[in-house]
């Protein structure tokens, strides 16, 4: 069973590129351009990893993460944002994102970070101990 990733970004070109790249990695990928669309997708498809922009037209990626965690408490999350201030990154980590990628970011960095989130997600599902958590990492490219 493939790992399911939800990509949320209001920029259409970014959503298409990220969806293609992650699908080529063998992941099941769904996408949304708003918080509302993301909630609809998450209600009908199991989500293992969230890759989300923070500034969305109808809300905030941090709030979206909190809402989706009510449905998928073990879901891993990666923020993908243009907000590069240390306080923005700290806010994402406090909200529960396991990694924060600051735009612009290389596709290879996104692949690597999502792969790490997927591996951590699989460890949780397989009954991994709390000592095997996905470490929080902040990457600025």
Protein backbone atom coordinates (compact mmCIF):
# COMPACT_ATOMS: atom_id res chain seq x y z
CA UNK A 1 0.00 0.00 0.00
CA UNK A 2 1.58 3.32 -1.04
CA UNK A 3 2.12 6.16 1.37
CA UNK A 4 -0.42 8.93 0.80
CA UNK A 5 0.71 12.53 0.62
CA UNK A 6 -1.47 15.63 0.56
CA UNK A 7 0.15 18.64 -1.14
CA UNK A 8 -1.44 22.00 -0.31
CA UNK A 9 -0.30 25.13 -2.14
CA UNK A 10 -2.30 27.93 -3.71
CA UNK A 11 0.11 28.25 -6.62
CA UNK A 12 -1.09 25.92 -9.35
CA UNK A 13 2.34 25.41 -10.95
CA UNK A 14 3.82 24.39 -7.59
CA UNK A 15 1.02 21.92 -6.91
CA UNK A 16 1.43 20.31 -10.33
CA UNK A 17 5.21 20.06 -10.04
CA UNK A 18 5.19 18.67 -6.50
CA UNK A 19 2.43 16.20 -7.34
CA UNK A 20 4.34 14.89 -10.35
CA UNK A 21 7.65 14.62 -8.52
CA UNK A 22 6.14 12.78 -5.56
CA UNK A 23 4.01 10.50 -7.74
CA UNK A 24 7.15 9.53 -9.66
CA UNK A 25 8.60 8.46 -6.29
CA UNK A 26 5.74 5.97 -6.02
CA UNK A 27 3.61 7.87 -3.51
CA UNK A 28 -0.14 8.26 -3.69
CA UNK A 29 -0.52 12.02 -4.04
CA UNK A 30 -3.55 14.27 -3.66
CA UNK A 31 -3.48 18.01 -3.90
CA UNK A 32 -5.46 21.03 -2.84
CA UNK A 33 -5.11 24.77 -3.34
CA UNK A 34 -7.05 25.91 -0.28
CA UNK A 35 -7.69 24.78 3.28
CA UNK A 36 -11.26 23.95 2.34
CA UNK A 37 -10.15 21.70 -0.52
CA UNK A 38 -7.56 20.07 1.76
CA UNK A 39 -10.20 19.24 4.36
CA UNK A 40 -12.39 17.72 1.64
CA UNK A 41 -9.54 15.57 0.31
CA UNK A 42 -8.53 14.46 3.81
CA UNK A 43 -12.10 13.45 4.59
CA UNK A 44 -12.12 10.98 1.71
CA UNK A 45 -8.50 9.79 1.44
CA UNK A 46 -6.15 8.57 4.16
CA UNK A 47 -3.21 10.95 4.59
CA UNK A 48 0.18 9.87 5.92
CA UNK A 49 2.17 13.04 5.14
CA UNK A 50 1.08 16.65 4.68
CA UNK A 51 3.24 18.96 2.54
CA UNK A 52 1.70 22.39 2.95
CA UNK A 53 2.29 26.03 2.24
CA UNK A 54 1.57 28.21 5.27
CA UNK A 55 -0.09 31.25 3.65
CA UNK A 56 -3.21 29.99 1.91
CA UNK A 57 -6.08 32.05 0.46
CA UNK A 58 -8.67 30.85 2.96
CA UNK A 59 -6.58 30.14 6.00
CA UNK A 60 -3.30 29.15 7.48
CA UNK A 61 -1.27 25.97 7.07
CA UNK A 62 -0.62 25.76 10.81
CA UNK A 63 -4.34 25.80 11.57
CA UNK A 64 -4.95 23.31 8.76
CA UNK A 65 -2.41 20.96 10.33
CA UNK A 66 -4.19 21.18 13.68
CA UNK A 67 -7.51 20.32 12.01
CA UNK A 68 -6.10 17.40 10.02
CA UNK A 69 -4.35 16.00 13.09
CA UNK A 70 -7.78 15.47 14.62
CA UNK A 71 -8.44 12.97 11.82
CA UNK A 72 -4.88 11.66 11.38
CA UNK A 73 -3.01 12.06 14.68
CA UNK A 74 0.06 10.17 13.41
CA UNK A 75 0.35 12.15 10.19
CA UNK A 76 3.76 13.70 9.53
CA UNK A 77 3.90 17.26 8.23
CA UNK A 78 6.33 19.35 6.21
CA UNK A 79 5.86 23.11 5.81
CA UNK A 80 6.79 24.62 2.46
CA UNK A 81 6.72 28.39 2.77
CA UNK A 82 8.12 31.73 1.65
CA UNK A 83 7.94 33.04 5.22
CA UNK A 84 11.60 32.93 6.18
CA UNK A 85 11.81 34.85 9.44
CA UNK A 86 12.99 32.79 12.43
CA UNK A 87 9.69 33.55 14.18
CA UNK A 88 7.77 32.11 11.19
CA UNK A 89 9.83 28.92 11.26
CA UNK A 90 9.45 28.63 15.04
CA UNK A 91 5.68 29.04 14.67
CA UNK A 92 5.58 26.16 12.16
CA UNK A 93 7.57 23.90 14.45
CA UNK A 94 5.35 24.85 17.41
CA UNK A 95 2.30 23.99 15.31
CA UNK A 96 3.66 20.48 14.78
CA UNK A 97 5.45 20.58 11.45
CA UNK A 98 8.36 18.16 11.50
CA UNK A 99 10.35 20.10 8.93
CA UNK A 100 10.18 23.59 7.46
CA UNK A 101 11.40 24.23 3.92
CA UNK A 102 11.79 27.86 2.93
CA UNK A 103 11.05 28.79 -0.69
CA UNK A 104 12.75 28.77 -3.04
CA UNK A 105 13.85 25.21 -2.36
CA UNK A 106 15.44 22.65 -4.64
CA UNK A 107 13.26 19.72 -5.71
CA UNK A 108 15.86 17.29 -4.38
CA UNK A 109 15.55 18.84 -0.89
CA UNK A 110 11.78 18.42 -1.04
CA UNK A 111 12.16 14.78 -2.11
CA UNK A 112 14.64 14.07 0.67
CA UNK A 113 12.56 15.77 3.34
CA UNK A 114 9.34 14.05 2.25
CA UNK A 115 11.16 10.69 2.12
CA UNK A 116 12.30 11.26 5.73
CA UNK A 117 8.74 12.09 6.77
CA UNK A 118 7.47 8.97 5.02
CA UNK A 119 10.05 6.79 6.76
CA UNK A 120 9.04 8.28 10.12
CA UNK A 121 5.38 7.72 9.29
CA UNK A 122 6.06 4.08 8.50
CA UNK A 123 7.95 3.64 11.77
CA UNK A 124 4.97 4.98 13.71
CA UNK A 125 2.59 2.67 11.86
CA UNK A 126 4.90 -0.28 12.47
CA UNK A 127 4.81 0.43 16.20
CA UNK A 128 8.14 2.21 16.53
CA UNK A 129 9.10 3.51 19.94
CA UNK A 130 9.05 7.15 20.86
CA UNK A 131 12.85 7.18 20.50
CA UNK A 132 12.54 6.75 16.74
CA UNK A 133 10.75 10.01 16.04
CA UNK A 134 11.34 12.04 12.91
CA UNK A 135 13.56 14.85 14.09
CA UNK A 136 12.50 18.40 13.53
CA UNK A 137 14.68 20.00 10.90
CA UNK A 138 14.63 23.46 9.50
CA UNK A 139 16.10 23.85 6.05
CA UNK A 140 16.69 27.20 4.45
CA UNK A 141 17.68 27.13 0.81
